[in-house]
Amino acid sequence: KSGLSIKACTHDAQIYNGLVADANDLGISVV
């Protein structure tokens, strides 16, 4: 109803950035 978006995962997203980067470095896609 508000038309707004929620950004609730700034901290966790940074953690996942590292984990996904490690996977990508080994040639693993993350879907």
PDB file of all heavy atoms in Angstrom:
ATOM      1  N   LYS A   1       0.815  -1.213   0.000  1.00  0.00           N
ATOM      2  CA  LYS A   1       0.000   0.000   0.000  1.00  0.00           C
ATOM      3  C   LYS A   1       0.849   1.263   0.000  1.00  0.00           C
ATOM      4  O   LYS A   1       0.492   2.267  -0.599  1.00  0.00           O
ATOM      5  CB  LYS A   1      -0.938  -0.004   1.209  1.00  0.00           C
ATOM      6  CG  LYS A   1      -2.057  -1.028   1.115  1.00  0.00           C
ATOM      7  CD  LYS A   1      -2.967  -0.967   2.333  1.00  0.00           C
ATOM      8  CE  LYS A   1      -4.128  -1.950   2.208  1.00  0.00           C
ATOM      9  NZ  LYS A   1      -5.002  -1.911   3.398  1.00  0.00           N
ATOM     10  N   SER A   2       1.990   1.204   0.673  1.00  0.00           N
ATOM     11  CA  SER A   2       2.839   2.390   0.772  1.00  0.00           C
ATOM     12  C   SER A   2       3.638   2.633  -0.496  1.00  0.00           C
ATOM     13  O   SER A   2       4.060   3.755  -0.774  1.00  0.00           O
ATOM     14  CB  SER A   2       3.813   2.244   1.950  1.00  0.00           C
ATOM     15  OG  SER A   2       4.795   1.251   1.686  1.00  0.00           O
ATOM     16  N   GLY A   3       3.864   1.565  -1.257  1.00  0.00           N
ATOM     17  CA  GLY A   3       4.682   1.693  -2.459  1.00  0.00           C
ATOM     18  C   GLY A   3       6.159   1.794  -2.169  1.00  0.00           C
ATOM     19  O   GLY A   3       6.974   2.032  -3.063  1.00  0.00           O
ATOM     20  N   LEU A   4       6.539   1.616  -0.910  1.00  0.00           N
ATOM     21  CA  LEU A   4       7.940   1.700  -0.514  1.00  0.00           C
ATOM     22  C   LEU A   4       8.579   0.318  -0.530  1.00  0.00           C
ATOM     23  O   LEU A   4       7.911  -0.698  -0.656  1.00  0.00           O
ATOM     24  CB  LEU A   4       8.049   2.307   0.897  1.00  0.00           C
ATOM     25  CG  LEU A   4       7.456   3.701   1.073  1.00  0.00           C
ATOM     26  CD1 LEU A   4       7.533   4.115   2.539  1.00  0.00           C
ATOM     27  CD2 LEU A   4       8.196   4.705   0.188  1.00  0.00           C
ATOM     28  N   SER A   5       9.896   0.282  -0.404  1.00  0.00           N
ATOM     29  CA  SER A   5      10.603  -0.986  -0.308  1.00  0.00           C
ATOM     30  C   SER A   5      11.267  -1.084   1.055  1.00  0.00           C
ATOM     31  O   SER A   5      11.472  -0.085   1.740  1.00  0.00           O
ATOM     32  CB  SER A   5      11.658  -1.109  -1.420  1.00  0.00           C
ATOM     33  OG  SER A   5      12.612  -0.068  -1.318  1.00  0.00           O
ATOM     34  N   ILE A   6      11.576  -2.312   1.446  1.00  0.00           N
ATOM     35  CA  ILE A   6      12.226  -2.551   2.732  1.00  0.00           C
ATOM     36  C   ILE A   6      13.671  -2.946   2.484  1.00  0.00           C
ATOM     37  O   ILE A   6      13.959  -3.827   1.676  1.00  0.00           O
ATOM     38  CB  ILE A   6      11.525  -3.690   3.505  1.00  0.00           C
ATOM     39  CG1 ILE A   6      10.079  -3.336   3.787  1.00  0.00           C
ATOM     40  CG2 ILE A   6      12.252  -4.003   4.795  1.00  0.00           C
ATOM     41  CD1 ILE A   6       9.299  -4.448   4.453  1.00  0.00           C
ATOM     42  N   LYS A   7      14.575  -2.290   3.178  1.00  0.00           N
ATOM     43  CA  LYS A   7      15.979  -2.681   3.114  1.00  0.00           C
ATOM     44  C   LYS A   7      16.402  -3.082   4.521  1.00  0.00           C
ATOM     45  O   LYS A   7      16.776  -2.257   5.333  1.00  0.00           O
ATOM     46  CB  LYS A   7      16.848  -1.543   2.577  1.00  0.00           C
ATOM     47  CG  LYS A   7      16.553  -1.221   1.113  1.00  0.00           C
ATOM     48  CD  LYS A   7      17.573  -0.253   0.553  1.00  0.00           C
ATOM     49  CE  LYS A   7      17.310   0.028  -0.917  1.00  0.00           C
ATOM     50  NZ  LYS A   7      17.446  -1.154  -1.765  1.00  0.00           N
ATOM     51  N   ALA A   8      16.313  -4.396   4.779  1.00  0.00           N
ATOM     52  CA  ALA A   8      16.505  -4.880   6.141  1.00  0.00           C
ATOM     53  C   ALA A   8      17.754  -5.728   6.315  1.00  0.00           C
ATOM     54  O   ALA A   8      17.998  -6.255   7.385  1.00  0.00           O
ATOM     55  CB  ALA A   8      15.286  -5.697   6.572  1.00  0.00           C
ATOM     56  N   CYS A   9      18.559  -5.863   5.280  1.00  0.00           N
ATOM     57  CA  CYS A   9      19.619  -6.868   5.341  1.00  0.00           C
ATOM     58  C   CYS A   9      20.996  -6.327   4.997  1.00  0.00           C
ATOM     59  O   CYS A   9      21.800  -7.022   4.391  1.00  0.00           O
ATOM     60  CB  CYS A   9      19.284  -8.025   4.408  1.00  0.00           C
ATOM     61  SG  CYS A   9      17.875  -8.979   4.950  1.00  0.00           S
ATOM     62  N   THR A  10      21.269  -5.094   5.343  1.00  0.00           N
ATOM     63  CA  THR A  10      22.565  -4.508   4.998  1.00  0.00           C
ATOM     64  C   THR A  10      23.714  -5.297   5.592  1.00  0.00           C
ATOM     65  O   THR A  10      24.690  -5.632   4.919  1.00  0.00           O
ATOM     66  CB  THR A  10      22.646  -3.050   5.478  1.00  0.00           C
ATOM     67  OG1 THR A  10      21.568  -2.317   4.922  1.00  0.00           O
ATOM     68  CG2 THR A  10      23.965  -2.428   5.041  1.00  0.00           C
ATOM     69  N   HIS A  11      23.601  -5.629   6.881  1.00  0.00           N
ATOM     70  CA  HIS A  11      24.689  -6.343   7.558  1.00  0.00           C
ATOM     71  C   HIS A  11      24.838  -7.763   7.026  1.00  0.00           C
ATOM     72  O   HIS A  11      25.931  -8.196   6.656  1.00  0.00           O
ATOM     73  CB  HIS A  11      24.434  -6.374   9.067  1.00  0.00           C
ATOM     74  CG  HIS A  11      25.497  -7.115   9.835  1.00  0.00           C
ATOM     75  ND1 HIS A  11      25.329  -8.431  10.218  1.00  0.00           N
ATOM     76  CD2 HIS A  11      26.724  -6.741  10.252  1.00  0.00           C
ATOM     77  CE1 HIS A  11      26.423  -8.829  10.868  1.00  0.00           C
ATOM     78  NE2 HIS A  11      27.276  -7.823  10.899  1.00  0.00           N
ATOM     79  N   ASP A  12      23.716  -8.515   6.973  1.00  0.00           N
ATOM     80  CA  ASP A  12      23.783  -9.889   6.497  1.00  0.00           C
ATOM     81  C   ASP A  12      24.228  -9.959   5.043  1.00  0.00           C
ATOM     82  O   ASP A  12      24.932 -10.887   4.648  1.00  0.00           O
ATOM     83  CB  ASP A  12      22.420 -10.569   6.646  1.00  0.00           C
ATOM     84  CG  ASP A  12      22.139 -10.984   8.089  1.00  0.00           C
ATOM     85  OD1 ASP A  12      23.081 -10.909   8.905  1.00  0.00           O
ATOM     86  OD2 ASP A  12      20.993 -11.355   8.391  1.00  0.00           O
ATOM     87  N   ALA A  13      23.806  -8.984   4.233  1.00  0.00           N
ATOM     88  CA  ALA A  13      24.202  -8.984   2.828  1.00  0.00           C
ATOM     89  C   ALA A  13      25.715  -8.913   2.701  1.00  0.00           C
ATOM     90  O   ALA A  13      26.308  -9.566   1.831  1.00  0.00           O
ATOM     91  CB  ALA A  13      23.552  -7.821   2.087  1.00  0.00           C
ATOM     92  N   GLN A  14      26.360  -8.158   3.567  1.00  0.00           N
ATOM     93  CA  GLN A  14      27.820  -8.076   3.534  1.00  0.00           C
ATOM     94  C   GLN A  14      28.455  -9.414   3.875  1.00  0.00           C
ATOM     95  O   GLN A  14      29.469  -9.813   3.293  1.00  0.00           O
ATOM     96  CB  GLN A  14      28.309  -6.995   4.513  1.00  0.00           C
ATOM     97  CG  GLN A  14      27.927  -5.580   4.103  1.00  0.00           C
ATOM     98  CD  GLN A  14      28.477  -5.206   2.742  1.00  0.00           C
ATOM     99  OE1 GLN A  14      29.629  -5.487   2.425  1.00  0.00           O
ATOM    100  NE2 GLN A  14      27.650  -4.582   1.917  1.00  0.00           N
ATOM    101  N   ILE A  15      27.855 -10.125   4.826  1.00  0.00           N
ATOM    102  CA  ILE A  15      28.358 -11.458   5.173  1.00  0.00           C
ATOM    103  C   ILE A  15      28.216 -12.396   3.987  1.00  0.00           C
ATOM    104  O   ILE A  15      29.152 -13.126   3.622  1.00  0.00           O
ATOM    105  CB  ILE A  15      27.593 -12.020   6.393  1.00  0.00           C
ATOM    106  CG1 ILE A  15      27.869 -11.157   7.624  1.00  0.00           C
ATOM    107  CG2 ILE A  15      27.971 -13.478   6.649  1.00  0.00           C
ATOM    108  CD1 ILE A  15      27.047 -11.533   8.829  1.00  0.00           C
ATOM    109  N   TYR A  16      27.047 -12.368   3.352  1.00  0.00           N
ATOM    110  CA  TYR A  16      26.812 -13.242   2.209  1.00  0.00           C
ATOM    111  C   TYR A  16      27.674 -12.860   1.022  1.00  0.00           C
ATOM    112  O   TYR A  16      28.031 -13.718   0.209  1.00  0.00           O
ATOM    113  CB  TYR A  16      25.328 -13.222   1.830  1.00  0.00           C
ATOM    114  CG  TYR A  16      24.437 -13.838   2.882  1.00  0.00           C
ATOM    115  CD1 TYR A  16      23.303 -13.172   3.334  1.00  0.00           C
ATOM    116  CD2 TYR A  16      24.734 -15.079   3.434  1.00  0.00           C
ATOM    117  CE1 TYR A  16      22.493 -13.736   4.308  1.00  0.00           C
ATOM    118  CE2 TYR A  16      23.940 -15.640   4.408  1.00  0.00           C
ATOM    119  CZ  TYR A  16      22.817 -14.958   4.844  1.00  0.00           C
ATOM    120  OH  TYR A  16      22.017 -15.513   5.811  1.00  0.00           O
ATOM    121  N   ASN A  17      28.026 -11.576   0.904  1.00  0.00           N
ATOM    122  CA  ASN A  17      28.933 -11.162  -0.168  1.00  0.00           C
ATOM    123  C   ASN A  17      30.216 -11.977  -0.137  1.00  0.00           C
ATOM    124  O   ASN A  17      30.696 -12.452  -1.165  1.00  0.00           O
ATOM    125  CB  ASN A  17      29.271  -9.673  -0.041  1.00  0.00           C
ATOM    126  CG  ASN A  17      28.187  -8.771  -0.586  1.00  0.00           C
ATOM    127  OD1 ASN A  17      27.309  -9.217  -1.320  1.00  0.00           O
ATOM    128  ND2 ASN A  17      28.227  -7.505  -0.213  1.00  0.00           N
ATOM    129  N   GLY A  18      30.785 -12.132   1.062  1.00  0.00           N
ATOM    130  CA  GLY A  18      32.022 -12.883   1.201  1.00  0.00           C
ATOM    131  C   GLY A  18      31.843 -14.352   0.878  1.00  0.00           C
ATOM    132  O   GLY A  18      32.681 -14.959   0.189  1.00  0.00           O
ATOM    133  N   LEU A  19      30.750 -14.932   1.342  1.00  0.00           N
ATOM    134  CA  LEU A  19      30.494 -16.350   1.093  1.00  0.00           C
ATOM    135  C   LEU A  19      30.254 -16.620  -0.391  1.00  0.00           C
ATOM    136  O   LEU A  19      30.774 -17.594  -0.948  1.00  0.00           O
ATOM    137  CB  LEU A  19      29.275 -16.803   1.905  1.00  0.00           C
ATOM    138  CG  LEU A  19      29.460 -16.837   3.419  1.00  0.00           C
ATOM    139  CD1 LEU A  19      28.110 -17.006   4.117  1.00  0.00           C
ATOM    140  CD2 LEU A  19      30.403 -17.963   3.828  1.00  0.00           C
ATOM    141  N   VAL A  20      29.484 -15.747  -1.039  1.00  0.00           N
ATOM    142  CA  VAL A  20      29.203 -15.919  -2.463  1.00  0.00           C
ATOM    143  C   VAL A  20      30.469 -15.681  -3.281  1.00  0.00           C
ATOM    144  O   VAL A  20      30.734 -16.391  -4.259  1.00  0.00           O
ATOM    145  CB  VAL A  20      28.077 -14.979  -2.917  1.00  0.00           C
ATOM    146  CG1 VAL A  20      27.882 -15.051  -4.431  1.00  0.00           C
ATOM    147  CG2 VAL A  20      26.778 -15.333  -2.204  1.00  0.00           C
ATOM    148  N   ALA A  21      31.277 -14.715  -2.873  1.00  0.00           N
ATOM    149  CA  ALA A  21      32.536 -14.449  -3.570  1.00  0.00           C
ATOM    150  C   ALA A  21      33.459 -15.659  -3.494  1.00  0.00           C
ATOM    151  O   ALA A  21      34.118 -16.015  -4.484  1.00  0.00           O
ATOM    152  CB  ALA A  21      33.222 -13.224  -2.971  1.00  0.00           C
ATOM    153  N   ASP A  22      33.508 -16.294  -2.324  1.00  0.00           N
ATOM    154  CA  ASP A  22      34.334 -17.501  -2.179  1.00  0.00           C
ATOM    155  C   ASP A  22      33.855 -18.598  -3.126  1.00  0.00           C
ATOM    156  O   ASP A  22      34.667 -19.302  -3.741  1.00  0.00           O
ATOM    157  CB  ASP A  22      34.277 -18.016  -0.736  1.00  0.00           C
ATOM    158  CG  ASP A  22      35.019 -17.123   0.242  1.00  0.00           C
ATOM    159  OD1 ASP A  22      35.836 -16.296  -0.215  1.00  0.00           O
ATOM    160  OD2 ASP A  22      34.788 -17.253   1.457  1.00  0.00           O
ATOM    161  N   ALA A  23      32.528 -18.742  -3.229  1.00  0.00           N
ATOM    162  CA  ALA A  23      31.971 -19.745  -4.138  1.00  0.00           C
ATOM    163  C   ALA A  23      32.309 -19.406  -5.586  1.00  0.00           C
ATOM    164  O   ALA A  23      32.741 -20.274  -6.365  1.00  0.00           O
ATOM    165  CB  ALA A  23      30.456 -19.842  -3.953  1.00  0.00           C
ATOM    166  N   ASN A  24      32.115 -18.146  -5.968  1.00  0.00           N
ATOM    167  CA  ASN A  24      32.417 -17.721  -7.333  1.00  0.00           C
ATOM    168  C   ASN A  24      33.883 -17.934  -7.683  1.00  0.00           C
ATOM    169  O   ASN A  24      34.209 -18.331  -8.812  1.00  0.00           O
ATOM    170  CB  ASN A  24      32.062 -16.248  -7.520  1.00  0.00           C
ATOM    171  CG  ASN A  24      30.571 -15.975  -7.589  1.00  0.00           C
ATOM    172  OD1 ASN A  24      30.148 -14.822  -7.596  1.00  0.00           O
ATOM    173  ND2 ASN A  24      29.745 -17.023  -7.636  1.00  0.00           N
ATOM    174  N   ASP A  25      34.770 -17.676  -6.728  1.00  0.00           N
ATOM    175  CA  ASP A  25      36.203 -17.850  -6.976  1.00  0.00           C
ATOM    176  C   ASP A  25      36.545 -19.290  -7.336  1.00  0.00           C
ATOM    177  O   ASP A  25      37.538 -19.551  -8.018  1.00  0.00           O
ATOM    178  CB  ASP A  25      37.015 -17.416  -5.752  1.00  0.00           C
ATOM    179  CG  ASP A  25      37.043 -15.909  -5.573  1.00  0.00           C
ATOM    180  OD1 ASP A  25      36.687 -15.192  -6.532  1.00  0.00           O
ATOM    181  OD2 ASP A  25      37.395 -15.446  -4.477  1.00  0.00           O
ATOM    182  N   LEU A  26      35.715 -20.221  -6.853  1.00  0.00           N
ATOM    183  CA  LEU A  26      35.920 -21.636  -7.156  1.00  0.00           C
ATOM    184  C   LEU A  26      35.073 -22.096  -8.341  1.00  0.00           C
ATOM    185  O   LEU A  26      34.979 -23.283  -8.627  1.00  0.00           O
ATOM    186  CB  LEU A  26      35.595 -22.491  -5.927  1.00  0.00           C
ATOM    187  CG  LEU A  26      36.551 -22.342  -4.740  1.00  0.00           C
ATOM    188  CD1 LEU A  26      36.039 -23.146  -3.547  1.00  0.00           C
ATOM    189  CD2 LEU A  26      37.954 -22.805  -5.119  1.00  0.00           C
ATOM    190  N   GLY A  27      34.450 -21.134  -9.031  1.00  0.00           N
ATOM    191  CA  GLY A  27      33.658 -21.462 -10.207  1.00  0.00           C
ATOM    192  C   GLY A  27      32.261 -21.955  -9.906  1.00  0.00           C
ATOM    193  O   GLY A  27      31.664 -22.676 -10.708  1.00  0.00           O
ATOM    194  N   ILE A  28      31.700 -21.563  -8.756  1.00  0.00           N
ATOM    195  CA  ILE A  28      30.365 -22.008  -8.355  1.00  0.00           C
ATOM    196  C   ILE A  28      29.393 -20.836  -8.448  1.00  0.00           C
ATOM    197  O   ILE A  28      29.598 -19.799  -7.817  1.00  0.00           O
ATOM    198  CB  ILE A  28      30.368 -22.554  -6.917  1.00  0.00           C
ATOM    199  CG1 ILE A  28      31.385 -23.687  -6.760  1.00  0.00           C
ATOM    200  CG2 ILE A  28      28.974 -23.024  -6.517  1.00  0.00           C
ATOM    201  CD1 ILE A  28      31.582 -24.130  -5.320  1.00  0.00           C
ATOM    202  N   SER A  29      28.331 -21.002  -9.227  1.00  0.00           N
ATOM    203  CA  SER A  29      27.276 -19.990  -9.291  1.00  0.00           C
ATOM    204  C   SER A  29      26.326 -20.171  -8.109  1.00  0.00           C
ATOM    205  O   SER A  29      26.113 -21.285  -7.636  1.00  0.00           O
ATOM    206  CB  SER A  29      26.482 -20.131 -10.593  1.00  0.00           C
ATOM    207  OG  SER A  29      27.307 -19.908 -11.720  1.00  0.00           O
ATOM    208  N   VAL A  30      25.756 -19.056  -7.637  1.00  0.00           N
ATOM    209  CA  VAL A  30      24.816 -19.104  -6.517  1.00  0.00           C
ATOM    210  C   VAL A  30      23.496 -18.502  -6.988  1.00  0.00           C
ATOM    211  O   VAL A  30      23.408 -17.307  -7.272  1.00  0.00           O
ATOM    212  CB  VAL A  30      25.349 -18.345  -5.290  1.00  0.00           C
ATOM    213  CG1 VAL A  30      24.335 -18.414  -4.147  1.00  0.00           C
ATOM    214  CG2 VAL A  30      26.694 -18.911  -4.840  1.00  0.00           C
ATOM    215  N   VAL A  31      22.466 -19.346  -7.081  1.00  0.00           N
ATOM    216  CA  VAL A  31      21.148 -18.944  -7.562  1.00  0.00           C
ATOM    217  C   VAL A  31      20.188 -18.890  -6.377  1.00  0.00           C
ATOM    218  O   VAL A  31      20.126 -19.837  -5.578  1.00  0.00           O
ATOM    219  CB  VAL A  31      20.625 -19.943  -8.612  1.00  0.00           C
ATOM    220  CG1 VAL A  31      19.246 -19.531  -9.110  1.00  0.00           C
ATOM    221  CG2 VAL A  31      21.602 -20.047  -9.781  1.00  0.00           C
TER     222      VAL A  31
END
